[in-house]
């Protein structure tokens, strides 16, 4: 018993709850509770999330009321890491989300799923790493006549990564995904082979960070519409620059190109940038202003820009100011193909060191539906982190 009792174990716990409401969703909120139990060569993470969002019918929303439990266990034995986990999700509320079935089998209502998984990683050497993972979904789907629909999915993947001495990494991986339902006589699968090259230059100024990656994915199989899946080239570039000690810029560029039967087309391009300015840094809670924006073009067009500021008033008390403008597609009748939204409002926040954070914000949203509408929204939250306990 003495070696077991002498083993160092730490416990961490956290909670984050958010609540609010407006005329479209009078009762919306989310609560996250988690815990971490960690030993010398193992760790156990348990997380629970309950989310609720309703709709009054003024603007139809995708119902997002669910309960999700994640249990993640990791054990390390020398160069090998074994990671079994399970995710259990239950859709709550009277109105369940709808899912359109393939092969013109109609519409079903989603009620949840259970998804166990197992991952294995192994370090062959300092620069060569192997990995594999298997996932299984048992989905709970109900038809309009209250009959349960048998639906299962499996995913198996694996690959290897080589970290070169020149700041680059090469990864080759393969994946197979299969969907099966005997009730509607549906059995389909698709496979993918990924070749990824990533680079992170080391000879850069101390106040600069640059990383980039390119992935070519070769697909084999068909989608829900029984069409061949196009091969895809994905590239991503991230740059972080500290202009001066109080100002930093974080920029990300992404591009996705599809190759479909000899036709090359741009599937999606996006650019995102964040500029953060910190001031009054000698106080207990530093003040900051964050300006951000993102533009993406694919089959749809989205734009987003905003500003968020936290200005410390005294001690742990801070003033919050939030404003955002968005352009997104919409399916609301009479609103046109795109919906413009403008949200702005003030709030207050109080932090008790690093243990507790309480905040609340009052926002006004203006949007163009059949007519220009505006309404008020209240959001509030509580974050709790009691710290680590060792025994």
Protein backbone atom coordinates (compact mmCIF):
# COMPACT_ATOMS: atom_id res chain seq x y z
CA UNK A 1 0.00 0.00 0.00
CA UNK A 2 2.86 2.46 0.70
CA UNK A 3 3.93 3.04 -2.95
CA UNK A 4 0.29 3.61 -3.94
CA UNK A 5 -0.31 6.04 -1.08
CA UNK A 6 2.89 7.93 -1.89
CA UNK A 7 1.86 8.52 -5.53
CA UNK A 8 1.23 12.21 -6.24
CA UNK A 9 -2.25 12.96 -7.54
CA UNK A 10 -3.77 16.35 -8.37
CA UNK A 11 -7.41 17.38 -8.77
CA UNK A 12 -8.64 20.34 -10.79
CA UNK A 13 -12.22 21.49 -11.26
CA UNK A 14 -13.94 24.30 -13.13
CA UNK A 15 -17.38 25.66 -13.94
CA UNK A 16 -18.58 28.13 -16.57
CA UNK A 17 -22.23 29.09 -16.79
CA UNK A 18 -23.91 31.56 -19.14
CA UNK A 19 -27.51 32.70 -19.24
CA UNK A 20 -29.60 35.29 -20.98
CA UNK A 21 -32.56 35.90 -23.21
CA UNK A 22 -34.30 38.16 -25.69
CA UNK A 23 -37.62 38.31 -27.51
CA UNK A 24 -36.52 35.54 -29.91
CA UNK A 25 -35.11 33.14 -27.35
CA UNK A 26 -36.35 34.06 -23.86
CA UNK A 27 -34.59 31.19 -22.14
CA UNK A 28 -31.13 30.48 -23.45
CA UNK A 29 -28.14 29.38 -21.46
CA UNK A 30 -25.26 26.99 -21.09
CA UNK A 31 -23.39 25.43 -18.20
CA UNK A 32 -20.03 23.64 -18.37
CA UNK A 33 -18.69 21.63 -15.44
CA UNK A 34 -15.41 19.75 -15.59
CA UNK A 35 -12.83 17.98 -13.52
CA UNK A 36 -9.28 16.69 -14.01
CA UNK A 37 -7.70 13.89 -11.98
CA UNK A 38 -4.01 13.54 -12.84
CA UNK A 39 -1.37 11.10 -11.67
CA UNK A 40 2.22 10.54 -12.64
CA UNK A 41 1.59 8.90 -16.03
CA UNK A 42 -2.19 9.09 -16.41
CA UNK A 43 -5.03 11.60 -16.44
CA UNK A 44 -8.83 11.47 -16.34
CA UNK A 45 -10.94 14.38 -17.63
CA UNK A 46 -14.71 14.48 -17.14
CA UNK A 47 -16.74 17.30 -18.69
CA UNK A 48 -20.47 17.93 -18.68
CA UNK A 49 -22.26 20.54 -20.80
CA UNK A 50 -25.94 21.45 -20.78
CA UNK A 51 -27.09 23.88 -23.45
CA UNK A 52 -30.57 25.31 -23.98
CA UNK A 53 -31.81 27.55 -26.77
CA UNK A 54 -35.43 27.89 -27.79
CA UNK A 55 -37.24 29.81 -30.52
CA UNK A 56 -40.45 31.82 -30.57
CA UNK A 57 -41.02 31.47 -34.30
CA UNK A 58 -40.27 35.12 -35.12
CA UNK A 59 -36.93 34.03 -36.53
CA UNK A 60 -36.60 30.24 -36.89
CA UNK A 61 -33.48 28.99 -35.13
CA UNK A 62 -31.76 25.64 -35.12
CA UNK A 63 -32.70 24.20 -31.76
CA UNK A 64 -29.59 23.58 -29.71
CA UNK A 65 -30.81 22.09 -26.44
CA UNK A 66 -28.71 19.12 -25.42
CA UNK A 67 -26.78 17.44 -22.64
CA UNK A 68 -23.28 16.16 -23.41
CA UNK A 69 -20.95 14.12 -21.21
CA UNK A 70 -17.29 13.61 -22.20
CA UNK A 71 -15.02 11.16 -20.37
CA UNK A 72 -11.40 11.12 -21.53
CA UNK A 73 -8.74 8.84 -20.03
CA UNK A 74 -5.06 8.90 -21.03
CA UNK A 75 -2.28 6.64 -19.83
CA UNK A 76 1.37 6.83 -20.87
CA UNK A 77 3.65 3.81 -20.83
CA UNK A 78 7.08 4.94 -21.95
CA UNK A 79 6.86 6.12 -25.59
CA UNK A 80 3.28 4.83 -25.96
CA UNK A 81 0.14 6.81 -25.09
CA UNK A 82 -3.29 5.10 -24.94
CA UNK A 83 -6.42 7.27 -24.95
CA UNK A 84 -9.88 5.67 -24.55
CA UNK A 85 -12.79 8.11 -24.37
CA UNK A 86 -16.56 8.23 -24.64
CA UNK A 87 -19.04 10.99 -25.54
CA UNK A 88 -22.74 10.69 -24.66
CA UNK A 89 -25.14 13.31 -26.03
CA UNK A 90 -28.89 13.58 -25.42
CA UNK A 91 -31.08 16.12 -27.23
CA UNK A 92 -33.51 17.66 -24.78
CA UNK A 93 -36.66 19.72 -25.24
CA UNK A 94 -39.98 18.96 -26.90
CA UNK A 95 -38.88 19.90 -30.44
CA UNK A 96 -36.02 17.74 -31.67
CA UNK A 97 -33.61 18.76 -34.46
CA UNK A 98 -34.51 17.34 -37.87
CA UNK A 99 -32.14 15.37 -40.11
CA UNK A 100 -32.72 14.63 -43.80
CA UNK A 101 -31.88 11.00 -44.62
CA UNK A 102 -30.06 9.87 -47.78
CA UNK A 103 -31.64 7.79 -50.58
CA UNK A 104 -34.82 9.88 -50.23
CA UNK A 105 -35.72 8.06 -47.01
CA UNK A 106 -37.44 11.07 -45.49
CA UNK A 107 -36.83 13.08 -42.33
CA UNK A 108 -36.02 11.87 -38.82
CA UNK A 109 -35.67 13.56 -35.45
CA UNK A 110 -32.33 13.47 -33.66
CA UNK A 111 -32.47 12.41 -30.01
CA UNK A 112 -28.78 11.88 -29.25
CA UNK A 113 -25.91 9.46 -29.64
CA UNK A 114 -23.20 7.60 -27.78
CA UNK A 115 -19.69 7.63 -29.22
CA UNK A 116 -16.85 5.56 -27.72
CA UNK A 117 -13.35 5.94 -29.11
CA UNK A 118 -9.81 4.70 -28.71
CA UNK A 119 -6.59 6.45 -29.70
CA UNK A 120 -2.98 5.26 -29.61
CA UNK A 121 0.21 7.27 -30.11
CA UNK A 122 3.77 5.99 -30.16
CA UNK A 123 7.13 7.76 -30.48
CA UNK A 124 9.35 5.54 -32.59
CA UNK A 125 12.21 8.02 -32.19
CA UNK A 126 12.68 11.67 -31.33
CA UNK A 127 11.48 12.72 -34.80
CA UNK A 128 9.08 9.93 -35.87
CA UNK A 129 5.60 9.57 -34.33
CA UNK A 130 2.84 7.06 -35.10
CA UNK A 131 -0.85 7.52 -34.31
CA UNK A 132 -4.14 5.67 -34.81
CA UNK A 133 -7.72 6.29 -33.71
CA UNK A 134 -11.05 4.49 -33.95
CA UNK A 135 -14.52 5.98 -33.34
CA UNK A 136 -17.99 4.44 -33.26
CA UNK A 137 -21.31 6.33 -33.26
CA UNK A 138 -24.61 4.74 -32.25
CA UNK A 139 -27.13 7.45 -33.12
CA UNK A 140 -30.62 7.66 -31.64
CA UNK A 141 -32.91 8.75 -34.49
CA UNK A 142 -36.71 8.69 -34.39
CA UNK A 143 -39.03 8.71 -37.40
CA UNK A 144 -42.27 10.66 -37.62
CA UNK A 145 -44.26 7.50 -36.77
CA UNK A 146 -42.19 7.13 -33.55
CA UNK A 147 -40.19 4.16 -34.83
CA UNK A 148 -36.52 4.14 -33.89
CA UNK A 149 -34.12 4.17 -36.81
CA UNK A 150 -31.02 2.03 -36.51
CA UNK A 151 -28.03 4.17 -37.53
CA UNK A 152 -24.36 3.45 -36.87
CA UNK A 153 -21.11 5.04 -38.03
CA UNK A 154 -17.50 3.94 -37.71
CA UNK A 155 -14.30 5.86 -38.39
CA UNK A 156 -10.78 4.44 -38.40
CA UNK A 157 -7.71 6.57 -39.02
CA UNK A 158 -3.98 6.35 -38.62
CA UNK A 159 -0.71 7.76 -39.85
CA UNK A 160 2.82 8.89 -39.13
CA UNK A 161 4.59 12.22 -38.60
CA UNK A 162 8.23 13.05 -39.25
CA UNK A 163 9.67 16.17 -37.63
CA UNK A 164 12.67 17.25 -39.69
CA UNK A 165 15.63 19.14 -38.21
CA UNK A 166 14.78 22.17 -40.40
CA UNK A 167 11.55 23.22 -38.66
CA UNK A 168 9.21 21.30 -40.98
CA UNK A 169 6.92 18.32 -40.36
CA UNK A 170 5.57 15.77 -42.83
CA UNK A 171 2.44 13.79 -41.97
CA UNK A 172 0.89 10.97 -44.00
CA UNK A 173 -2.47 9.70 -42.77
CA UNK A 174 -5.45 7.67 -43.96
CA UNK A 175 -9.08 7.62 -42.84
CA UNK A 176 -12.14 5.48 -43.55
CA UNK A 177 -15.69 6.46 -42.55
CA UNK A 178 -18.68 4.12 -42.88
CA UNK A 179 -22.40 4.83 -42.36
CA UNK A 180 -24.91 1.99 -42.13
CA UNK A 181 -28.64 1.65 -41.53
CA UNK A 182 -30.33 -1.69 -42.21
CA UNK A 183 -33.79 -0.16 -41.75
CA UNK A 184 -33.52 2.01 -44.87
CA UNK A 185 -31.05 -0.32 -46.62
CA UNK A 186 -28.23 2.21 -46.63
CA UNK A 187 -24.59 1.23 -46.46
CA UNK A 188 -21.96 3.70 -47.71
CA UNK A 189 -18.39 4.57 -46.92
CA UNK A 190 -15.70 6.95 -48.05
CA UNK A 191 -11.95 7.05 -47.58
CA UNK A 192 -9.35 9.77 -47.53
CA UNK A 193 -5.56 9.94 -47.72
CA UNK A 194 -3.93 13.10 -46.37
CA UNK A 195 -0.44 14.39 -47.06
CA UNK A 196 0.38 17.34 -44.83
CA UNK A 197 3.44 19.57 -44.80
CA UNK A 198 3.78 22.12 -42.01
CA UNK A 199 6.53 24.62 -41.35
CA UNK A 200 7.37 26.84 -38.42
CA UNK A 201 10.50 28.94 -39.04
CA UNK A 202 12.80 29.23 -36.05
CA UNK A 203 15.09 32.05 -37.24
CA UNK A 204 12.60 34.87 -36.67
CA UNK A 205 12.67 37.93 -34.42
CA UNK A 206 11.66 37.26 -30.82
CA UNK A 207 8.43 39.23 -31.25
CA UNK A 208 7.25 37.33 -34.36
CA UNK A 209 5.66 33.93 -34.92
CA UNK A 210 4.86 32.39 -38.33
CA UNK A 211 3.43 28.97 -39.13
CA UNK A 212 2.06 27.47 -42.31
CA UNK A 213 0.70 24.18 -43.55
CA UNK A 214 -0.52 22.61 -46.76
CA UNK A 215 -2.68 19.47 -46.91
CA UNK A 216 -3.67 17.49 -49.99
CA UNK A 217 -6.61 15.14 -49.38
CA UNK A 218 -7.41 12.42 -51.92
CA UNK A 219 -10.98 11.13 -51.47
CA UNK A 220 -12.58 7.89 -52.58
CA UNK A 221 -16.34 7.45 -52.24
CA UNK A 222 -19.61 9.36 -52.57
CA UNK A 223 -21.55 11.85 -50.49
CA UNK A 224 -25.23 11.91 -49.45
CA UNK A 225 -26.25 12.87 -52.99
CA UNK A 226 -24.36 9.89 -54.42
CA UNK A 227 -21.83 12.23 -56.05
CA UNK A 228 -18.10 11.59 -56.05
CA UNK A 229 -16.21 13.54 -53.40
CA UNK A 230 -13.67 15.90 -54.91
CA UNK A 231 -10.02 15.88 -53.91
CA UNK A 232 -9.05 18.92 -51.85
CA UNK A 233 -6.01 21.14 -51.31
CA UNK A 234 -6.08 23.14 -48.07
CA UNK A 235 -3.50 25.77 -47.14
CA UNK A 236 -3.26 27.86 -44.00
CA UNK A 237 -0.89 30.64 -42.95
CA UNK A 238 -0.78 32.22 -39.48
CA UNK A 239 1.29 35.24 -38.49
CA UNK A 240 1.59 36.79 -35.02
CA UNK A 241 3.48 40.04 -34.63
CA UNK A 242 4.05 42.11 -31.51
CA UNK A 243 4.36 45.59 -32.97
CA UNK A 244 5.19 47.16 -29.61
CA UNK A 245 4.97 45.55 -26.15
CA UNK A 246 1.35 46.70 -25.80
CA UNK A 247 0.09 45.93 -29.34
CA UNK A 248 -0.08 42.50 -31.03
CA UNK A 249 -1.54 41.42 -34.37
CA UNK A 250 -2.75 37.88 -35.15
CA UNK A 251 -3.63 37.16 -38.81
CA UNK A 252 -4.79 33.91 -40.45
CA UNK A 253 -5.27 33.18 -44.17
CA UNK A 254 -6.96 30.01 -45.41
CA UNK A 255 -7.65 28.67 -48.88
CA UNK A 256 -9.44 25.51 -50.02
CA UNK A 257 -9.31 24.31 -53.64
CA UNK A 258 -11.27 21.33 -54.98
CA UNK A 259 -10.27 19.11 -57.91
CA UNK A 260 -13.38 17.48 -59.36
CA UNK A 261 -13.12 15.43 -62.58
CA UNK A 262 -10.56 17.72 -64.17
CA UNK A 263 -12.29 20.88 -62.92
CA UNK A 264 -10.43 23.09 -60.48
CA UNK A 265 -12.52 25.43 -58.35
CA UNK A 266 -12.12 27.52 -55.23
CA UNK A 267 -14.19 25.91 -52.46
CA UNK A 268 -13.48 28.51 -49.78
CA UNK A 269 -11.16 31.39 -48.99
CA UNK A 270 -11.03 33.32 -45.74
CA UNK A 271 -8.95 35.96 -43.98
CA UNK A 272 -9.10 36.83 -40.31
CA UNK A 273 -7.19 39.39 -38.26
CA UNK A 274 -7.16 40.42 -34.60
CA UNK A 275 -5.43 43.47 -33.14
CA UNK A 276 -5.11 43.67 -29.37
CA UNK A 277 -4.02 46.75 -27.44
CA UNK A 278 -3.19 46.42 -23.74
CA UNK A 279 -2.95 49.36 -21.35
CA UNK A 280 -3.02 50.02 -17.59
CA UNK A 281 -1.05 46.79 -17.26
CA UNK A 282 0.21 47.60 -13.78
CA UNK A 283 -3.27 47.14 -12.30
CA UNK A 284 -4.73 43.94 -10.86
CA UNK A 285 -6.82 43.46 -14.02
CA UNK A 286 -5.09 44.82 -17.17
CA UNK A 287 -7.25 46.76 -19.63
CA UNK A 288 -7.40 45.88 -23.31
CA UNK A 289 -9.13 46.64 -26.60
CA UNK A 290 -9.61 43.89 -29.19
CA UNK A 291 -10.48 44.74 -32.82
CA UNK A 292 -11.26 41.80 -35.09
CA UNK A 293 -12.61 41.00 -38.51
CA UNK A 294 -13.15 37.98 -40.75
CA UNK A 295 -14.25 37.53 -44.36
CA UNK A 296 -15.01 34.19 -46.02
CA UNK A 297 -16.17 33.23 -49.50
CA UNK A 298 -17.51 29.80 -50.40
CA UNK A 299 -20.94 28.72 -51.63
CA UNK A 300 -22.09 31.39 -49.16
CA UNK A 301 -20.63 34.73 -48.13
CA UNK A 302 -20.00 35.74 -44.52
CA UNK A 303 -18.47 38.85 -43.05
CA UNK A 304 -17.82 39.74 -39.44
CA UNK A 305 -16.18 42.72 -37.72
CA UNK A 306 -16.25 43.96 -34.17
CA UNK A 307 -14.58 45.52 -31.18
CA UNK A 308 -14.47 44.36 -27.57
CA UNK A 309 -12.90 46.33 -24.74
CA UNK A 310 -12.30 45.69 -21.05
CA UNK A 311 -11.46 48.83 -19.05
CA UNK A 312 -10.48 48.30 -15.42
CA UNK A 313 -12.19 50.75 -13.07
CA UNK A 314 -11.05 49.70 -9.60
CA UNK A 315 -9.71 46.47 -8.14
CA UNK A 316 -11.44 43.59 -9.91
CA UNK A 317 -14.23 45.75 -11.37
CA UNK A 318 -14.09 46.41 -15.11
CA UNK A 319 -16.31 48.05 -17.72
CA UNK A 320 -17.13 45.97 -20.83
CA UNK A 321 -18.00 47.43 -24.22
CA UNK A 322 -19.00 45.20 -27.14
CA UNK A 323 -19.99 45.96 -30.75
CA UNK A 324 -20.22 43.64 -33.76
CA UNK A 325 -21.50 43.70 -37.35
CA UNK A 326 -22.24 40.52 -39.32
CA UNK A 327 -23.42 39.58 -42.81
CA UNK A 328 -24.68 36.00 -43.17
CA UNK A 329 -27.10 34.05 -45.38
CA UNK A 330 -30.65 33.66 -44.13
CA UNK A 331 -33.67 31.51 -44.89
CA UNK A 332 -36.19 33.87 -43.26
CA UNK A 333 -39.02 34.57 -45.70
CA UNK A 334 -38.96 38.12 -47.03
CA UNK A 335 -35.52 38.91 -45.63
CA UNK A 336 -33.60 38.49 -48.87
CA UNK A 337 -30.61 36.20 -49.45
CA UNK A 338 -28.44 37.92 -46.84
CA UNK A 339 -29.07 39.17 -43.33
CA UNK A 340 -27.19 42.09 -41.79
CA UNK A 341 -26.92 42.29 -38.02
CA UNK A 342 -25.51 44.96 -35.75
CA UNK A 343 -25.06 44.26 -32.05
CA UNK A 344 -23.71 46.65 -29.42
CA UNK A 345 -23.96 47.19 -25.68
CA UNK A 346 -22.17 47.84 -22.37
CA UNK A 347 -21.54 45.54 -19.42
CA UNK A 348 -19.75 45.05 -16.12
CA UNK A 349 -17.33 42.41 -14.92
CA UNK A 350 -15.84 41.56 -11.54
CA UNK A 351 -12.92 39.17 -11.02
CA UNK A 352 -11.90 37.68 -7.67
CA UNK A 353 -8.27 37.02 -8.61
CA UNK A 354 -8.07 33.92 -10.78
CA UNK A 355 -10.80 32.05 -8.88
CA UNK A 356 -14.13 33.67 -9.79
CA UNK A 357 -15.30 35.85 -12.69
CA UNK A 358 -18.81 37.34 -12.85
CA UNK A 359 -19.99 39.35 -15.83
CA UNK A 360 -23.14 40.74 -17.40
CA UNK A 361 -23.82 42.66 -20.61
CA UNK A 362 -26.91 44.34 -22.12
CA UNK A 363 -26.98 44.35 -25.93
CA UNK A 364 -29.18 45.77 -28.63
CA UNK A 365 -29.42 43.97 -31.96
CA UNK A 366 -30.62 45.52 -35.20
CA UNK A 367 -31.28 43.31 -38.19
CA UNK A 368 -33.06 43.34 -41.54
CA UNK A 369 -35.83 40.75 -41.70
CA UNK A 370 -39.07 41.46 -43.56
CA UNK A 371 -38.64 44.89 -41.98
CA UNK A 372 -35.78 46.40 -40.00
CA UNK A 373 -36.14 45.06 -36.47
CA UNK A 374 -34.33 45.75 -33.20
CA UNK A 375 -34.55 44.23 -29.74
CA UNK A 376 -32.62 44.02 -26.47
CA UNK A 377 -30.78 41.05 -25.10
CA UNK A 378 -29.34 40.28 -21.66
CA UNK A 379 -26.36 37.95 -21.22
CA UNK A 380 -24.58 37.05 -18.00
CA UNK A 381 -22.09 34.48 -16.85
CA UNK A 382 -20.18 32.99 -13.93
CA UNK A 383 -16.79 31.28 -14.19
CA UNK A 384 -15.34 29.37 -11.23
CA UNK A 385 -11.90 27.80 -10.95
CA UNK A 386 -11.01 26.83 -7.34
CA UNK A 387 -7.47 25.79 -8.29
CA UNK A 388 -5.48 22.57 -8.00
CA UNK A 389 -5.43 20.26 -4.99
CA UNK A 390 -2.56 17.85 -4.46
CA UNK A 391 -2.46 14.76 -2.31
